[in-house]
Amino acid sequence: MSTLTDFLGGLADRFTAWRRRERAFAELSALDDRTLADLGLRRADIPFVVYCKAQERTAAAARGKPLRKVANGDNAIGAT
């Protein structure tokens, strides 16, 4: 029974993460170019920011490394 519970829990977690990414993509896409520029983004950066950064976070979490914000001003998130 534990295996089924783990499977369903993992499935629910993946679905929640997917919805969070889709919502972030939609919200960033709704911003005008000037607002994106204020955030340090271009419209072409949106897929990278939403999807690639999410994969980096997932990989870091799988390795058990906590995430930290990089202090060099590039708005990146890296693993410690």
PDB file of N, CA and C in Angstrom:
ATOM      1  N   MET A   1       0.823  -1.193   0.000  1.00  0.00           N
ATOM      2  CA  MET A   1       0.000   0.000   0.000  1.00  0.00           C
ATOM      3  C   MET A   1       0.866   1.255   0.000  1.00  0.00           C
ATOM      4  N   SER A   2       2.013   1.179   0.640  1.00  0.00           N
ATOM      5  CA  SER A   2       2.903   2.330   0.724  1.00  0.00           C
ATOM      6  C   SER A   2       3.402   2.746  -0.660  1.00  0.00           C
ATOM      7  N   THR A   3       3.640   1.777  -1.524  1.00  0.00           N
ATOM      8  CA  THR A   3       4.110   2.084  -2.866  1.00  0.00           C
ATOM      9  C   THR A   3       3.056   2.856  -3.648  1.00  0.00           C
ATOM     10  N   LEU A   4       1.815   2.456  -3.529  1.00  0.00           N
ATOM     11  CA  LEU A   4       0.726   3.162  -4.200  1.00  0.00           C
ATOM     12  C   LEU A   4       0.578   4.576  -3.652  1.00  0.00           C
ATOM     13  N   THR A   5       0.686   4.717  -2.353  1.00  0.00           N
ATOM     14  CA  THR A   5       0.599   6.040  -1.725  1.00  0.00           C
ATOM     15  C   THR A   5       1.743   6.933  -2.189  1.00  0.00           C
ATOM     16  N   ASP A   6       2.949   6.380  -2.240  1.00  0.00           N
ATOM     17  CA  ASP A   6       4.104   7.146  -2.720  1.00  0.00           C
ATOM     18  C   ASP A   6       3.927   7.550  -4.180  1.00  0.00           C
ATOM     19  N   PHE A   7       3.413   6.635  -4.992  1.00  0.00           N
ATOM     20  CA  PHE A   7       3.192   6.924  -6.408  1.00  0.00           C
ATOM     21  C   PHE A   7       2.174   8.056  -6.581  1.00  0.00           C
ATOM     22  N   LEU A   8       1.057   7.947  -5.887  1.00  0.00           N
ATOM     23  CA  LEU A   8       0.018   8.972  -6.004  1.00  0.00           C
ATOM     24  C   LEU A   8       0.489  10.311  -5.436  1.00  0.00           C
ATOM     25  N   GLY A   9       1.250  10.273  -4.355  1.00  0.00           N
ATOM     26  CA  GLY A   9       1.804  11.498  -3.789  1.00  0.00           C
ATOM     27  C   GLY A   9       2.784  12.161  -4.755  1.00  0.00           C
ATOM     28  N   GLY A  10       3.631  11.360  -5.386  1.00  0.00           N
ATOM     29  CA  GLY A  10       4.565  11.888  -6.370  1.00  0.00           C
ATOM     30  C   GLY A  10       3.853  12.449  -7.580  1.00  0.00           C
ATOM     31  N   LEU A  11       2.804  11.772  -8.000  1.00  0.00           N
ATOM     32  CA  LEU A  11       2.010  12.248  -9.132  1.00  0.00           C
ATOM     33  C   LEU A  11       1.348  13.581  -8.813  1.00  0.00           C
ATOM     34  N   ALA A  12       0.807  13.702  -7.622  1.00  0.00           N
ATOM     35  CA  ALA A  12       0.183  14.957  -7.197  1.00  0.00           C
ATOM     36  C   ALA A  12       1.217  16.075  -7.110  1.00  0.00           C
ATOM     37  N   ASP A  13       2.418  15.762  -6.608  1.00  0.00           N
ATOM     38  CA  ASP A  13       3.482  16.765  -6.520  1.00  0.00           C
ATOM     39  C   ASP A  13       3.905  17.242  -7.903  1.00  0.00           C
ATOM     40  N   ARG A  14       4.050  16.322  -8.834  1.00  0.00           N
ATOM     41  CA  ARG A  14       4.432  16.704 -10.202  1.00  0.00           C
ATOM     42  C   ARG A  14       3.354  17.540 -10.870  1.00  0.00           C
ATOM     43  N   PHE A  15       2.102  17.202 -10.643  1.00  0.00           N
ATOM     44  CA  PHE A  15       1.015  17.979 -11.208  1.00  0.00           C
ATOM     45  C   PHE A  15       0.995  19.391 -10.630  1.00  0.00           C
ATOM     46  N   THR A  16       1.203  19.500  -9.324  1.00  0.00           N
ATOM     47  CA  THR A  16       1.232  20.815  -8.673  1.00  0.00           C
ATOM     48  C   THR A  16       2.388  21.656  -9.209  1.00  0.00           C
ATOM     49  N   ALA A  17       3.552  21.046  -9.372  1.00  0.00           N
ATOM     50  CA  ALA A  17       4.708  21.775  -9.911  1.00  0.00           C
ATOM     51  C   ALA A  17       4.445  22.218 -11.348  1.00  0.00           C
ATOM     52  N   TRP A  18       3.808  21.361 -12.137  1.00  0.00           N
ATOM     53  CA  TRP A  18       3.485  21.712 -13.519  1.00  0.00           C
ATOM     54  C   TRP A  18       2.518  22.902 -13.561  1.00  0.00           C
ATOM     55  N   ARG A  19       1.495  22.869 -12.725  1.00  0.00           N
ATOM     56  CA  ARG A  19       0.539  23.977 -12.689  1.00  0.00           C
ATOM     57  C   ARG A  19       1.216  25.274 -12.253  1.00  0.00           C
ATOM     58  N   ARG A  20       2.133  25.179 -11.304  1.00  0.00           N
ATOM     59  CA  ARG A  20       2.865  26.359 -10.840  1.00  0.00           C
ATOM     60  C   ARG A  20       3.706  26.945 -11.986  1.00  0.00           C
ATOM     61  N   ARG A  21       4.368  26.080 -12.760  1.00  0.00           N
ATOM     62  CA  ARG A  21       5.157  26.556 -13.905  1.00  0.00           C
ATOM     63  C   ARG A  21       4.269  27.182 -14.962  1.00  0.00           C
ATOM     64  N   GLU A  22       3.141  26.558 -15.247  1.00  0.00           N
ATOM     65  CA  GLU A  22       2.229  27.108 -16.256  1.00  0.00           C
ATOM     66  C   GLU A  22       1.681  28.459 -15.821  1.00  0.00           C
ATOM     67  N   ARG A  23       1.374  28.595 -14.548  1.00  0.00           N
ATOM     68  CA  ARG A  23       0.873  29.867 -14.026  1.00  0.00           C
ATOM     69  C   ARG A  23       1.949  30.949 -14.112  1.00  0.00           C
ATOM     70  N   ALA A  24       3.180  30.595 -13.770  1.00  0.00           N
ATOM     71  CA  ALA A  24       4.287  31.553 -13.852  1.00  0.00           C
ATOM     72  C   ALA A  24       4.517  31.973 -15.297  1.00  0.00           C
ATOM     73  N   PHE A  25       4.455  31.025 -16.217  1.00  0.00           N
ATOM     74  CA  PHE A  25       4.640  31.342 -17.628  1.00  0.00           C
ATOM     75  C   PHE A  25       3.549  32.300 -18.101  1.00  0.00           C
ATOM     76  N   ALA A  26       2.314  32.025 -17.732  1.00  0.00           N
ATOM     77  CA  ALA A  26       1.200  32.878 -18.149  1.00  0.00           C
ATOM     78  C   ALA A  26       1.319  34.277 -17.549  1.00  0.00           C
ATOM     79  N   GLU A  27       1.704  34.359 -16.287  1.00  0.00           N
ATOM     80  CA  GLU A  27       1.827  35.669 -15.640  1.00  0.00           C
ATOM     81  C   GLU A  27       2.963  36.485 -16.252  1.00  0.00           C
ATOM     82  N   LEU A  28       4.103  35.844 -16.514  1.00  0.00           N
ATOM     83  CA  LEU A  28       5.203  36.575 -17.136  1.00  0.00           C
ATOM     84  C   LEU A  28       4.865  36.977 -18.570  1.00  0.00           C
ATOM     85  N   SER A  29       4.175  36.119 -19.279  1.00  0.00           N
ATOM     86  CA  SER A  29       3.796  36.433 -20.662  1.00  0.00           C
ATOM     87  C   SER A  29       2.810  37.584 -20.731  1.00  0.00           C
ATOM     88  N   ALA A  30       2.022  37.771 -19.683  1.00  0.00           N
ATOM     89  CA  ALA A  30       1.034  38.845 -19.663  1.00  0.00           C
ATOM     90  C   ALA A  30       1.661  40.215 -19.420  1.00  0.00           C
ATOM     91  N   LEU A  31       2.901  40.236 -18.912  1.00  0.00           N
ATOM     92  CA  LEU A  31       3.565  41.514 -18.645  1.00  0.00           C
ATOM     93  C   LEU A  31       4.006  42.171 -19.950  1.00  0.00           C
ATOM     94  N   ASP A  32       4.029  43.496 -19.961  1.00  0.00           N
ATOM     95  CA  ASP A  32       4.515  44.193 -21.154  1.00  0.00           C
ATOM     96  C   ASP A  32       6.052  44.187 -21.145  1.00  0.00           C
ATOM     97  N   ASP A  33       6.639  44.542 -22.291  1.00  0.00           N
ATOM     98  CA  ASP A  33       8.086  44.474 -22.445  1.00  0.00           C
ATOM     99  C   ASP A  33       8.822  45.387 -21.472  1.00  0.00           C
ATOM    100  N   ARG A  34       8.239  46.525 -21.160  1.00  0.00           N
ATOM    101  CA  ARG A  34       8.893  47.456 -20.235  1.00  0.00           C
ATOM    102  C   ARG A  34       8.965  46.873 -18.822  1.00  0.00           C
ATOM    103  N   THR A  35       7.899  46.249 -18.389  1.00  0.00           N
ATOM    104  CA  THR A  35       7.895  45.635 -17.062  1.00  0.00           C
ATOM    105  C   THR A  35       8.873  44.470 -17.011  1.00  0.00           C
ATOM    106  N   LEU A  36       8.913  43.669 -18.081  1.00  0.00           N
ATOM    107  CA  LEU A  36       9.887  42.582 -18.134  1.00  0.00           C
ATOM    108  C   LEU A  36      11.312  43.130 -18.060  1.00  0.00           C
ATOM    109  N   ALA A  37      11.562  44.237 -18.764  1.00  0.00           N
ATOM    110  CA  ALA A  37      12.892  44.847 -18.731  1.00  0.00           C
ATOM    111  C   ALA A  37      13.225  45.327 -17.323  1.00  0.00           C
ATOM    112  N   ASP A  38      12.244  45.832 -16.590  1.00  0.00           N
ATOM    113  CA  ASP A  38      12.468  46.243 -15.208  1.00  0.00           C
ATOM    114  C   ASP A  38      12.881  45.051 -14.335  1.00  0.00           C
ATOM    115  N   LEU A  39      12.397  43.882 -14.692  1.00  0.00           N
ATOM    116  CA  LEU A  39      12.751  42.660 -13.969  1.00  0.00           C
ATOM    117  C   LEU A  39      14.060  42.055 -14.464  1.00  0.00           C
ATOM    118  N   GLY A  40      14.627  42.651 -15.515  1.00  0.00           N
ATOM    119  CA  GLY A  40      15.873  42.143 -16.076  1.00  0.00           C
ATOM    120  C   GLY A  40      15.661  40.994 -17.042  1.00  0.00           C
ATOM    121  N   LEU A  41      14.469  40.931 -17.623  1.00  0.00           N
ATOM    122  CA  LEU A  41      14.128  39.844 -18.545  1.00  0.00           C
ATOM    123  C   LEU A  41      13.743  40.388 -19.909  1.00  0.00           C
ATOM    124  N   ARG A  42      13.907  39.546 -20.896  1.00  0.00           N
ATOM    125  CA  ARG A  42      13.333  39.792 -22.219  1.00  0.00           C
ATOM    126  C   ARG A  42      12.257  38.738 -22.424  1.00  0.00           C
ATOM    127  N   ARG A  43      11.377  38.981 -23.349  1.00  0.00           N
ATOM    128  CA  ARG A  43      10.293  38.028 -23.608  1.00  0.00           C
ATOM    129  C   ARG A  43      10.840  36.641 -23.961  1.00  0.00           C
ATOM    130  N   ALA A  44      11.964  36.625 -24.668  1.00  0.00           N
ATOM    131  CA  ALA A  44      12.568  35.348 -25.060  1.00  0.00           C
ATOM    132  C   ALA A  44      13.137  34.584 -23.868  1.00  0.00           C
ATOM    133  N   ASP A  45      13.342  35.244 -22.734  1.00  0.00           N
ATOM    134  CA  ASP A  45      13.883  34.593 -21.535  1.00  0.00           C
ATOM    135  C   ASP A  45      12.831  33.827 -20.749  1.00  0.00           C
ATOM    136  N   ILE A  46      11.575  34.077 -20.999  1.00  0.00           N
ATOM    137  CA  ILE A  46      10.504  33.500 -20.178  1.00  0.00           C
ATOM    138  C   ILE A  46      10.551  31.971 -20.149  1.00  0.00           C
ATOM    139  N   PRO A  47      10.646  31.283 -21.298  1.00  0.00           N
ATOM    140  CA  PRO A  47      10.692  29.812 -21.206  1.00  0.00           C
ATOM    141  C   PRO A  47      11.881  29.297 -20.403  1.00  0.00           C
ATOM    142  N   PHE A  48      13.043  29.924 -20.553  1.00  0.00           N
ATOM    143  CA  PHE A  48      14.217  29.495 -19.791  1.00  0.00           C
ATOM    144  C   PHE A  48      14.001  29.708 -18.303  1.00  0.00           C
ATOM    145  N   VAL A  49      13.527  30.879 -17.955  1.00  0.00           N
ATOM    146  CA  VAL A  49      13.340  31.199 -16.538  1.00  0.00           C
ATOM    147  C   VAL A  49      12.341  30.238 -15.906  1.00  0.00           C
ATOM    148  N   VAL A  50      11.273  29.953 -16.597  1.00  0.00           N
ATOM    149  CA  VAL A  50      10.214  29.113 -16.013  1.00  0.00           C
ATOM    150  C   VAL A  50      10.600  27.637 -16.019  1.00  0.00           C
ATOM    151  N   TYR A  51      11.051  27.112 -17.153  1.00  0.00           N
ATOM    152  CA  TYR A  51      11.245  25.665 -17.280  1.00  0.00           C
ATOM    153  C   TYR A  51      12.646  25.205 -16.902  1.00  0.00           C
ATOM    154  N   CYS A  52      13.675  25.873 -17.375  1.00  0.00           N
ATOM    155  CA  CYS A  52      15.042  25.425 -17.078  1.00  0.00           C
ATOM    156  C   CYS A  52      15.400  25.636 -15.625  1.00  0.00           C
ATOM    157  N   LYS A  53      15.009  26.753 -15.054  1.00  0.00           N
ATOM    158  CA  LYS A  53      15.288  26.983 -13.642  1.00  0.00           C
ATOM    159  C   LYS A  53      14.540  25.982 -12.773  1.00  0.00           C
ATOM    160  N   ALA A  54      13.346  25.584 -13.190  1.00  0.00           N
ATOM    161  CA  ALA A  54      12.593  24.586 -12.432  1.00  0.00           C
ATOM    162  C   ALA A  54      13.329  23.249 -12.444  1.00  0.00           C
ATOM    163  N   GLN A  55      13.931  22.894 -13.579  1.00  0.00           N
ATOM    164  CA  GLN A  55      14.697  21.658 -13.659  1.00  0.00           C
ATOM    165  C   GLN A  55      15.936  21.725 -12.777  1.00  0.00           C
ATOM    166  N   GLU A  56      16.592  22.889 -12.728  1.00  0.00           N
ATOM    167  CA  GLU A  56      17.760  23.046 -11.863  1.00  0.00           C
ATOM    168  C   GLU A  56      17.365  22.893 -10.400  1.00  0.00           C
ATOM    169  N   ARG A  57      16.227  23.474 -10.023  1.00  0.00           N
ATOM    170  CA  ARG A  57      15.761  23.358  -8.639  1.00  0.00           C
ATOM    171  C   ARG A  57      15.464  21.901  -8.296  1.00  0.00           C
ATOM    172  N   THR A  58      14.829  21.186  -9.221  1.00  0.00           N
ATOM    173  CA  THR A  58      14.489  19.782  -8.994  1.00  0.00           C
ATOM    174  C   THR A  58      15.750  18.945  -8.851  1.00  0.00           C
ATOM    175  N   ALA A  59      16.737  19.190  -9.702  1.00  0.00           N
ATOM    176  CA  ALA A  59      17.985  18.437  -9.637  1.00  0.00           C
ATOM    177  C   ALA A  59      18.725  18.719  -8.332  1.00  0.00           C
ATOM    178  N   ALA A  60      18.750  19.969  -7.912  1.00  0.00           N
ATOM    179  CA  ALA A  60      19.419  20.316  -6.653  1.00  0.00           C
ATOM    180  C   ALA A  60      18.705  19.673  -5.472  1.00  0.00           C
ATOM    181  N   ALA A  61      17.393  19.658  -5.506  1.00  0.00           N
ATOM    182  CA  ALA A  61      16.630  19.047  -4.419  1.00  0.00           C
ATOM    183  C   ALA A  61      16.874  17.539  -4.385  1.00  0.00           C
ATOM    184  N   ALA A  62      17.008  16.916  -5.555  1.00  0.00           N
ATOM    185  CA  ALA A  62      17.253  15.479  -5.607  1.00  0.00           C
ATOM    186  C   ALA A  62      18.626  15.138  -5.037  1.00  0.00           C
ATOM    187  N   ARG A  63      19.578  16.051  -5.197  1.00  0.00           N
ATOM    188  CA  ARG A  63      20.913  15.842  -4.633  1.00  0.00           C
ATOM    189  C   ARG A  63      20.947  16.183  -3.150  1.00  0.00           C
ATOM    190  N   GLY A  64      19.863  16.762  -2.647  1.00  0.00           N
ATOM    191  CA  GLY A  64      19.794  17.117  -1.242  1.00  0.00           C
ATOM    192  C   GLY A  64      20.510  18.402  -0.902  1.00  0.00           C
ATOM    193  N   LYS A  65      20.775  19.228  -1.907  1.00  0.00           N
ATOM    194  CA  LYS A  65      21.459  20.486  -1.660  1.00  0.00           C
ATOM    195  C   LYS A  65      20.434  21.604  -1.562  1.00  0.00           C
ATOM    196  N   PRO A  66      20.535  22.432  -0.530  1.00  0.00           N
ATOM    197  CA  PRO A  66      19.609  23.558  -0.423  1.00  0.00           C
ATOM    198  C   PRO A  66      19.895  24.600  -1.490  1.00  0.00           C
ATOM    199  N   LEU A  67      18.869  25.331  -1.882  1.00  0.00           N
ATOM    200  CA  LEU A  67      19.031  26.381  -2.863  1.00  0.00           C
ATOM    201  C   LEU A  67      19.386  27.679  -2.179  1.00  0.00           C
ATOM    202  N   ARG A  68      20.147  28.496  -2.874  1.00  0.00           N
ATOM    203  CA  ARG A  68      20.505  29.806  -2.345  1.00  0.00           C
ATOM    204  C   ARG A  68      20.402  30.808  -3.476  1.00  0.00           C
ATOM    205  N   LYS A  69      20.187  32.046  -3.133  1.00  0.00           N
ATOM    206  CA  LYS A  69      20.169  33.107  -4.120  1.00  0.00           C
ATOM    207  C   LYS A  69      21.604  33.572  -4.334  1.00  0.00           C
ATOM    208  N   VAL A  70      21.960  33.783  -5.610  1.00  0.00           N
ATOM    209  CA  VAL A  70      23.286  34.253  -5.945  1.00  0.00           C
ATOM    210  C   VAL A  70      23.333  35.756  -5.724  1.00  0.00           C
ATOM    211  N   ALA A  71      24.363  36.233  -5.057  1.00  0.00           N
ATOM    212  CA  ALA A  71      24.430  37.637  -4.663  1.00  0.00           C
ATOM    213  C   ALA A  71      25.083  38.535  -5.702  1.00  0.00           C
ATOM    214  N   ASN A  72      25.296  38.036  -6.916  1.00  0.00           N
ATOM    215  CA  ASN A  72      25.969  38.863  -7.912  1.00  0.00           C
ATOM    216  C   ASN A  72      25.001  39.672  -8.767  1.00  0.00           C
ATOM    217  N   GLY A  73      23.733  39.655  -8.430  1.00  0.00           N
ATOM    218  CA  GLY A  73      22.764  40.504  -9.108  1.00  0.00           C
ATOM    219  C   GLY A  73      22.216  39.952 -10.408  1.00  0.00           C
ATOM    220  N   ASP A  74      22.518  38.698 -10.762  1.00  0.00           N
ATOM    221  CA  ASP A  74      21.996  38.195 -12.023  1.00  0.00           C
ATOM    222  C   ASP A  74      20.679  37.445 -11.865  1.00  0.00           C
ATOM    223  N   ASN A  75      20.078  37.513 -10.682  1.00  0.00           N
ATOM    224  CA  ASN A  75      18.781  36.906 -10.387  1.00  0.00           C
ATOM    225  C   ASN A  75      18.768  35.400 -10.586  1.00  0.00           C
ATOM    226  N   ALA A  76      19.930  34.772 -10.525  1.00  0.00           N
ATOM    227  CA  ALA A  76      20.002  33.322 -10.690  1.00  0.00           C
ATOM    228  C   ALA A  76      19.812  32.652  -9.345  1.00  0.00           C
ATOM    229  N   ILE A  77      19.392  31.417  -9.393  1.00  0.00           N
ATOM    230  CA  ILE A  77      19.275  30.614  -8.178  1.00  0.00           C
ATOM    231  C   ILE A  77      20.162  29.411  -8.384  1.00  0.00           C
ATOM    232  N   GLY A  78      21.025  29.143  -7.441  1.00  0.00           N
ATOM    233  CA  GLY A  78      21.950  28.024  -7.580  1.00  0.00           C
ATOM    234  C   GLY A  78      21.929  27.155  -6.347  1.00  0.00           C
ATOM    235  N   ALA A  79      22.566  26.025  -6.465  1.00  0.00           N
ATOM    236  CA  ALA A  79      22.690  25.101  -5.339  1.00  0.00           C
ATOM    237  C   ALA A  79      23.963  25.414  -4.585  1.00  0.00           C
ATOM    238  N   THR A  80      23.914  25.256  -3.279  1.00  0.00           N
ATOM    239  CA  THR A  80      25.106  25.500  -2.465  1.00  0.00           C
ATOM    240  C   THR A  80      25.990  24.297  -2.440  1.00  0.00           C
TER     241      THR A  80
END
